[in-house]
Every structure is written in structure tokens, then in C-alpha cells.
Amino acid sequence: MTASTQPTPSGETANPAADAQAKAERARALRDTLGQFATGVTVVTALNAQGEPVGMTVNSFNSVSLDPALILWSIDRGCMSYPAYTEGEYFAVHVLKGDQQNVSNLFAGRGADKFGQVKWHKGANGVPQLDDCAATFQCRRVQNIEGGDHTILLGEVVEFSAAGGEPLVFHCGQYRALAGQ
């Protein structure tokens, strides 16, 4: 499928309902096309202003630099825990293992007592650190970069560890396993 994200030459049509439907269809097509890119799955944790742990599933994680050690990820501006990440000083990124789909699903949801259902401990600077992940990066937030309906968070890695293991992979809206060698 090929879809354009460019506006029509005349702008919007005289039918706002049709414009809204076309915009939604283009957004769905773009999301499906972006889904062709396989990603790892992470959970990002932090503390909110009340000192309570928050966490969310994220697949926009990426390395930026080795010197200084920098990573990035992005968050939807409408996310309920947005202030905890964009105003807080520290966060942690946890790379999930292939057998941690339940952890990904838990932190992708809303309202549940997420931290009551997983093993975790306080990591560097008190930030929640999930146990038994493939890798963990404790980070200091250094910059927020506005990007459309999301904010990109740039973090300096202050501590990291790797336990290894097969990663949890997401592709075309589904969890996947890496093919054996």
C-alpha cells in the first residue's frame, strides 16, 4: 500500500467528517507501515512527583552516543505519566527478554498495580529497576525534544547492566522470536 501524508493542494475539503476519516485512515496506514520495522521491547520506569513508581512499555528506545553515553526514547504527550518522565531527573530503561511478554502487556496497560505484579527493587537514584531483564540502563534526563505529538527524551546513561538472553521482539503488531542459528 502506498499512502501520502501530504495535504491536498486546496487544503481541507468541504466535508470535515470525510477529512477526519481520511486522516484516521492515513494514520493507520502509516502505523502499519512503520510496523514493518522490527523493534525490541522495553519498559521505562521513573518516579512521579509524589515519589511513586511509574512505568510504561516503549519500543522507541535507541542508542545515540557512546561518548558521552546517551540513549533516547519517545513518549506521547497525552500519556498520563508524561510529567514523571519529562520533568523528573532520572529514569530507567529495561530491555525485555523473550519470555517477558506478560511484563510488556502489564506495563502497556492502564490502572493496574503494575509494580505489585513484578519483581523490582530501587535502583540508582531510587528509580524502580525491574528484575531479570536482558539489560537495564539507569539514566539522567538531559533534554526533552518536542516532535509532533510526542516528546523525545535524551538520557545520559549513569549505570547499566546486561544479563543477556533472547530479546522480546515486536513486528507488525505482534511479539516475535528470533529464528535460531
Protein backbone atom coordinates (compact mmCIF):
# COMPACT_ATOMS: atom_id res chain seq x y z
CA MET A 1 0.00 0.00 0.00
CA THR A 2 1.16 3.49 -0.79
CA ALA A 3 -0.29 6.44 1.05
CA SER A 4 0.59 10.09 1.05
CA THR A 5 0.83 12.19 4.17
CA GLN A 6 0.86 15.41 2.17
CA PRO A 7 -2.16 17.73 2.40
CA THR A 8 -4.30 18.27 -0.67
CA PRO A 9 -3.38 21.36 -2.75
CA SER A 10 -6.54 23.14 -1.65
CA GLY A 11 -6.18 22.13 1.99
CA GLU A 12 -9.27 20.60 3.55
CA THR A 13 -12.44 19.68 1.68
CA ALA A 14 -15.90 20.99 2.45
CA ASN A 15 -16.64 17.73 4.29
CA PRO A 16 -14.98 17.73 7.75
CA ALA A 17 -16.22 14.19 8.52
CA ALA A 18 -14.60 12.86 5.35
CA ASP A 19 -11.40 14.76 6.19
CA ALA A 20 -11.32 13.23 9.68
CA GLN A 21 -11.89 9.74 8.28
CA ALA A 22 -9.18 10.20 5.64
CA LYS A 23 -6.77 11.47 8.29
CA ALA A 24 -7.50 8.46 10.52
CA GLU A 25 -7.03 6.07 7.58
CA ARG A 26 -3.68 7.69 6.68
CA ALA A 27 -2.56 7.46 10.32
CA ARG A 28 -3.50 3.75 10.46
CA ALA A 29 -1.70 3.09 7.15
CA LEU A 30 1.40 4.90 8.41
CA ARG A 31 1.32 2.96 11.69
CA ASP A 32 1.02 -0.34 9.78
CA THR A 33 3.91 0.63 7.51
CA LEU A 34 6.09 1.65 10.47
CA GLY A 35 5.25 -1.74 11.97
CA GLN A 36 7.32 -3.36 9.23
CA PHE A 37 10.39 -2.29 11.22
CA ALA A 38 11.10 -4.87 13.93
CA THR A 39 11.96 -3.40 17.33
CA GLY A 40 12.99 -4.57 20.73
CA VAL A 41 10.60 -4.03 23.62
CA THR A 42 11.47 -2.03 26.72
CA VAL A 43 9.79 -0.84 29.89
CA VAL A 44 10.77 2.64 31.06
CA THR A 45 10.35 3.41 34.77
CA ALA A 46 10.60 6.57 36.87
CA LEU A 47 9.20 8.20 39.99
CA ASN A 48 6.29 10.63 39.81
CA ALA A 49 6.14 13.90 41.79
CA GLN A 50 4.73 12.01 44.79
CA GLY A 51 7.66 9.56 44.73
CA GLU A 52 5.51 6.69 43.44
CA PRO A 53 6.85 4.33 40.76
CA VAL A 54 5.51 4.66 37.21
CA GLY A 55 6.30 2.50 34.21
CA MET A 56 5.32 2.09 30.58
CA THR A 57 6.10 -0.19 27.65
CA VAL A 58 8.17 1.56 24.96
CA ASN A 59 9.60 0.40 21.64
CA SER A 60 11.12 3.71 20.55
CA PHE A 61 14.36 3.12 22.50
CA ASN A 62 17.62 3.80 20.66
CA SER A 63 21.30 4.39 21.36
CA VAL A 64 22.62 7.83 20.45
CA SER A 65 26.26 8.11 21.55
CA LEU A 66 28.96 6.17 23.36
CA ASP A 67 30.91 9.24 24.49
CA PRO A 68 29.07 10.60 26.29
CA ALA A 69 26.82 7.57 26.80
CA LEU A 70 23.41 8.74 25.55
CA ILE A 71 20.14 6.99 24.71
CA LEU A 72 16.73 8.23 23.58
CA TRP A 73 13.10 7.19 23.62
CA SER A 74 9.82 8.99 22.99
CA ILE A 75 6.57 9.46 24.89
CA ASP A 76 3.11 10.52 23.72
CA ARG A 77 2.24 13.96 25.10
CA GLY A 78 -1.16 12.61 26.15
CA CYS A 79 0.32 9.89 28.38
CA MET A 80 -0.94 10.07 31.99
CA SER A 81 2.59 9.68 33.39
CA TYR A 82 4.09 12.23 30.96
CA PRO A 83 5.19 14.67 33.73
CA ALA A 84 7.05 11.95 35.64
CA TYR A 85 9.31 11.38 32.65
CA THR A 86 9.58 14.87 31.17
CA GLU A 87 10.07 16.69 34.49
CA GLY A 88 11.78 14.03 36.58
CA GLU A 89 15.56 13.91 36.73
CA TYR A 90 16.04 10.14 36.34
CA PHE A 91 14.50 7.18 34.53
CA ALA A 92 15.46 3.58 33.77
CA VAL A 93 15.11 1.61 30.53
CA HIS A 94 14.68 -2.18 30.81
CA VAL A 95 15.23 -4.34 27.71
CA LEU A 96 12.81 -7.25 28.00
CA LYS A 97 13.63 -10.91 27.39
CA GLY A 98 11.68 -13.11 25.01
CA ASP A 99 9.73 -14.72 27.86
CA GLN A 100 8.57 -11.36 29.29
CA GLN A 101 5.54 -10.69 27.08
CA ASN A 102 3.43 -10.56 30.24
CA VAL A 103 5.62 -7.74 31.59
CA SER A 104 5.28 -5.83 28.32
CA ASN A 105 1.49 -6.27 28.34
CA LEU A 106 1.25 -5.28 32.02
CA PHE A 107 3.15 -2.01 31.52
CA ALA A 108 1.28 -1.27 28.27
CA GLY A 109 -1.99 -1.21 30.20
CA ARG A 110 -3.52 1.43 32.44
CA GLY A 111 -4.57 1.49 36.06
CA ALA A 112 -3.30 -1.87 37.29
CA ASP A 113 -0.93 -2.14 40.23
CA LYS A 114 1.92 -2.82 37.83
CA PHE A 115 4.70 -2.90 40.39
CA GLY A 116 2.75 -5.25 42.63
CA GLN A 117 2.83 -7.86 39.87
CA VAL A 118 6.57 -7.89 39.05
CA LYS A 119 9.80 -8.27 40.97
CA TRP A 120 11.68 -4.99 41.26
CA HIS A 121 13.93 -3.01 43.56
CA LYS A 122 15.09 0.58 43.93
CA GLY A 123 17.95 1.24 41.56
CA ALA A 124 20.22 4.24 41.16
CA ASN A 125 18.66 7.44 42.50
CA GLY A 126 15.63 5.50 43.78
CA VAL A 127 14.26 4.77 40.31
CA PRO A 128 12.39 1.44 40.08
CA GLN A 129 14.52 -1.27 38.50
CA LEU A 130 12.79 -4.39 37.19
CA ASP A 131 14.47 -7.69 38.00
CA ASP A 132 15.55 -10.28 35.41
CA CYS A 133 15.63 -8.15 32.26
CA ALA A 134 18.07 -8.65 29.37
CA ALA A 135 19.61 -5.23 30.05
CA THR A 136 18.97 -2.17 32.19
CA PHE A 137 20.06 1.44 31.71
CA GLN A 138 19.74 3.89 34.61
CA CYS A 139 19.68 7.37 33.06
CA ARG A 140 19.69 11.05 33.93
CA ARG A 141 17.34 13.03 31.70
CA VAL A 142 19.37 15.67 29.87
CA GLN A 143 16.97 17.03 27.26
CA ASN A 144 13.37 16.94 26.06
CA ILE A 145 12.91 17.43 22.32
CA GLU A 146 9.43 18.22 21.00
CA GLY A 147 8.50 16.11 17.99
CA GLY A 148 4.91 16.23 16.74
CA ASP A 149 2.56 14.54 19.19
CA HIS A 150 5.49 13.02 21.11
CA THR A 151 8.42 14.25 23.17
CA ILE A 152 11.82 12.64 22.66
CA LEU A 153 13.73 12.15 25.89
CA LEU A 154 17.51 12.16 25.72
CA GLY A 155 19.16 10.45 28.66
CA GLU A 156 22.73 10.10 29.86
CA VAL A 157 23.46 6.53 30.96
CA VAL A 158 24.78 6.64 34.55
CA GLU A 159 24.65 2.88 35.24
CA PHE A 160 23.99 -0.15 33.06
CA SER A 161 23.96 -3.93 33.28
CA ALA A 162 23.35 -6.83 30.92
CA ALA A 163 22.09 -10.27 31.88
CA GLY A 164 21.66 -11.32 28.26
CA GLY A 165 19.10 -13.75 26.89
CA GLU A 166 16.89 -13.82 23.83
CA PRO A 167 15.19 -10.42 23.37
CA LEU A 168 11.48 -9.73 23.14
CA VAL A 169 10.84 -8.51 19.58
CA PHE A 170 7.81 -6.65 18.18
CA HIS A 171 6.96 -6.72 14.46
CA CYS A 172 3.72 -5.98 12.57
CA GLY A 173 1.73 -5.65 15.78
CA GLN A 174 2.85 -8.97 17.25
CA TYR A 175 5.54 -10.34 19.51
CA ARG A 176 8.09 -12.41 17.62
CA ALA A 177 11.00 -14.72 18.36
CA LEU A 178 14.34 -14.57 16.62
CA ALA A 179 14.98 -17.51 14.31
CA GLY A 180 17.57 -19.94 15.69
CA GLN A 181 21.03 -20.09 14.18
